[in-house]
N, C-alpha and C. Protein backbone atom coordinates (compact mmCIF):
# COMPACT_ATOMS: atom_id res chain seq x y z
N MET A 1 4.74 13.35 7.65
CA MET A 1 4.23 12.69 8.85
C MET A 1 3.44 13.73 9.65
N PRO A 2 2.27 13.38 10.13
CA PRO A 2 1.45 14.34 10.91
C PRO A 2 2.09 14.72 12.24
N GLU A 3 1.81 15.95 12.69
CA GLU A 3 2.35 16.43 13.96
C GLU A 3 1.99 15.50 15.12
N GLU A 4 0.77 14.98 15.11
CA GLU A 4 0.32 14.10 16.20
C GLU A 4 1.21 12.86 16.30
N LYS A 5 1.67 12.38 15.17
CA LYS A 5 2.55 11.20 15.16
C LYS A 5 3.87 11.52 15.86
N PHE A 6 4.44 12.69 15.57
CA PHE A 6 5.69 13.08 16.23
C PHE A 6 5.49 13.22 17.73
N GLU A 7 4.40 13.86 18.14
CA GLU A 7 4.13 14.02 19.56
C GLU A 7 3.92 12.66 20.23
N GLN A 8 3.26 11.74 19.53
CA GLN A 8 3.05 10.40 20.08
C GLN A 8 4.38 9.68 20.25
N LEU A 9 5.27 9.80 19.28
CA LEU A 9 6.60 9.19 19.40
C LEU A 9 7.34 9.74 20.61
N LEU A 10 7.30 11.05 20.81
CA LEU A 10 7.97 11.66 21.96
C LEU A 10 7.36 11.18 23.27
N ASP A 11 6.03 11.12 23.33
CA ASP A 11 5.36 10.63 24.54
C ASP A 11 5.69 9.16 24.80
N ASP A 12 5.67 8.35 23.74
CA ASP A 12 5.98 6.92 23.90
C ASP A 12 7.41 6.72 24.38
N LEU A 13 8.32 7.54 23.90
CA LEU A 13 9.71 7.46 24.34
C LEU A 13 9.83 7.84 25.81
N ARG A 14 9.19 8.94 26.19
CA ARG A 14 9.27 9.42 27.57
C ARG A 14 8.67 8.42 28.55
N THR A 15 7.59 7.74 28.15
CA THR A 15 6.93 6.77 29.04
C THR A 15 7.49 5.36 28.88
N LYS A 16 8.56 5.25 28.08
CA LYS A 16 9.30 4.00 27.89
C LYS A 16 8.49 2.91 27.19
N LYS A 17 7.51 3.31 26.39
CA LYS A 17 6.81 2.34 25.53
C LYS A 17 7.71 1.92 24.38
N ILE A 18 8.61 2.84 23.99
CA ILE A 18 9.64 2.54 22.98
C ILE A 18 10.98 3.00 23.56
N ASP A 19 12.08 2.46 23.05
CA ASP A 19 13.38 2.87 23.59
C ASP A 19 14.11 3.86 22.68
N HIS A 20 13.64 4.03 21.44
CA HIS A 20 14.22 5.02 20.53
C HIS A 20 13.31 5.17 19.31
N PHE A 21 13.55 6.20 18.54
CA PHE A 21 12.94 6.35 17.22
C PHE A 21 13.86 7.17 16.35
N GLU A 22 13.67 7.05 15.02
CA GLU A 22 14.52 7.76 14.07
C GLU A 22 13.72 8.78 13.29
N ILE A 23 14.38 9.88 13.00
CA ILE A 23 13.84 10.92 12.14
C ILE A 23 14.74 11.00 10.91
N THR A 24 14.13 10.98 9.75
CA THR A 24 14.89 11.05 8.50
C THR A 24 15.10 12.51 8.10
N PRO A 25 16.06 12.75 7.23
CA PRO A 25 16.27 14.13 6.77
C PRO A 25 15.01 14.74 6.16
N GLU A 26 14.19 13.93 5.51
CA GLU A 26 12.97 14.41 4.88
C GLU A 26 11.95 14.90 5.92
N ASN A 27 11.96 14.34 7.12
CA ASN A 27 11.00 14.69 8.16
C ASN A 27 11.54 15.69 9.18
N PHE A 28 12.83 15.99 9.11
CA PHE A 28 13.45 16.79 10.15
C PHE A 28 12.84 18.18 10.29
N GLN A 29 12.64 18.88 9.18
CA GLN A 29 12.10 20.25 9.24
C GLN A 29 10.71 20.28 9.87
N GLU A 30 9.93 19.25 9.64
CA GLU A 30 8.60 19.15 10.22
C GLU A 30 8.66 18.77 11.70
N PHE A 31 9.62 17.93 12.06
CA PHE A 31 9.75 17.44 13.43
C PHE A 31 10.33 18.48 14.38
N GLN A 32 11.31 19.25 13.91
CA GLN A 32 12.08 20.14 14.78
C GLN A 32 11.24 21.10 15.61
N PRO A 33 10.26 21.83 15.03
CA PRO A 33 9.47 22.75 15.87
C PRO A 33 8.64 22.02 16.94
N ILE A 34 8.21 20.81 16.62
CA ILE A 34 7.43 20.02 17.58
C ILE A 34 8.34 19.59 18.73
N PHE A 35 9.55 19.17 18.39
CA PHE A 35 10.50 18.78 19.43
C PHE A 35 10.85 19.96 20.33
N HIS A 36 11.09 21.12 19.76
CA HIS A 36 11.46 22.30 20.57
C HIS A 36 10.32 22.78 21.45
N ALA A 37 9.08 22.50 21.07
CA ALA A 37 7.93 22.89 21.87
C ALA A 37 7.56 21.83 22.90
N TYR A 38 8.18 20.65 22.83
CA TYR A 38 7.85 19.54 23.71
C TYR A 38 8.34 19.83 25.13
N ALA A 39 7.44 19.72 26.08
CA ALA A 39 7.74 20.10 27.47
C ALA A 39 8.87 19.28 28.10
N TYR A 40 9.05 18.05 27.68
CA TYR A 40 10.05 17.17 28.29
C TYR A 40 11.26 16.94 27.40
N ARG A 41 11.54 17.86 26.47
CA ARG A 41 12.64 17.66 25.53
C ARG A 41 14.00 17.54 26.20
N SER A 42 14.15 18.11 27.39
CA SER A 42 15.45 18.03 28.08
C SER A 42 15.76 16.60 28.52
N GLN A 43 14.76 15.72 28.52
CA GLN A 43 14.96 14.32 28.89
C GLN A 43 15.33 13.45 27.70
N ILE A 44 15.31 14.05 26.51
CA ILE A 44 15.51 13.29 25.27
C ILE A 44 16.72 13.85 24.54
N GLU A 45 17.52 12.94 23.97
CA GLU A 45 18.67 13.39 23.18
C GLU A 45 18.64 12.74 21.81
N GLY A 46 19.16 13.48 20.85
CA GLY A 46 19.26 12.97 19.49
C GLY A 46 20.71 12.76 19.11
N LYS A 47 20.96 11.67 18.41
CA LYS A 47 22.32 11.39 17.93
C LYS A 47 22.26 11.22 16.42
N ALA A 48 23.08 12.01 15.73
CA ALA A 48 23.13 11.97 14.27
C ALA A 48 23.80 10.68 13.79
N GLN A 49 23.25 10.13 12.75
CA GLN A 49 23.79 8.92 12.13
C GLN A 49 24.23 9.26 10.70
N ARG A 50 24.93 8.35 10.09
CA ARG A 50 25.30 8.54 8.68
C ARG A 50 24.05 8.63 7.83
N GLY A 51 24.12 9.45 6.82
CA GLY A 51 22.99 9.60 5.92
C GLY A 51 21.97 10.62 6.39
N GLY A 52 22.23 11.27 7.52
CA GLY A 52 21.35 12.32 7.99
C GLY A 52 20.24 11.90 8.93
N LYS A 53 20.13 10.61 9.23
CA LYS A 53 19.11 10.17 10.18
C LYS A 53 19.53 10.56 11.59
N ILE A 54 18.54 10.84 12.42
CA ILE A 54 18.81 11.17 13.82
C ILE A 54 18.02 10.18 14.68
N THR A 55 18.71 9.55 15.62
CA THR A 55 18.07 8.61 16.55
C THR A 55 17.85 9.33 17.87
N TYR A 56 16.62 9.36 18.32
CA TYR A 56 16.26 9.99 19.58
C TYR A 56 16.03 8.91 20.63
N GLN A 57 16.54 9.17 21.84
CA GLN A 57 16.36 8.25 22.97
C GLN A 57 16.37 9.04 24.26
N LEU A 58 15.95 8.40 25.34
CA LEU A 58 15.97 9.06 26.64
C LEU A 58 17.41 9.28 27.08
N ARG A 59 17.66 10.40 27.72
CA ARG A 59 18.99 10.64 28.29
C ARG A 59 19.20 9.71 29.47
N GLU A 60 20.41 9.23 29.60
CA GLU A 60 20.74 8.43 30.77
C GLU A 60 21.03 9.36 31.92
N ARG A 61 20.54 9.01 33.07
CA ARG A 61 20.75 9.87 34.25
C ARG A 61 21.89 9.38 35.08
């Protein structure tokens, strides 16, 4: 998956265009550096699911 797609998912989540998205184990290594460089990552949390998928959503305040 292209880096721009990951950044768009993060932006869409932060602006509430989407309420969550999933990252598969196959995409995790590519996604992780983009997530760590994302300026608003402290507003987003990931929850591990069975099978290695991670669901990202906005943190509840």
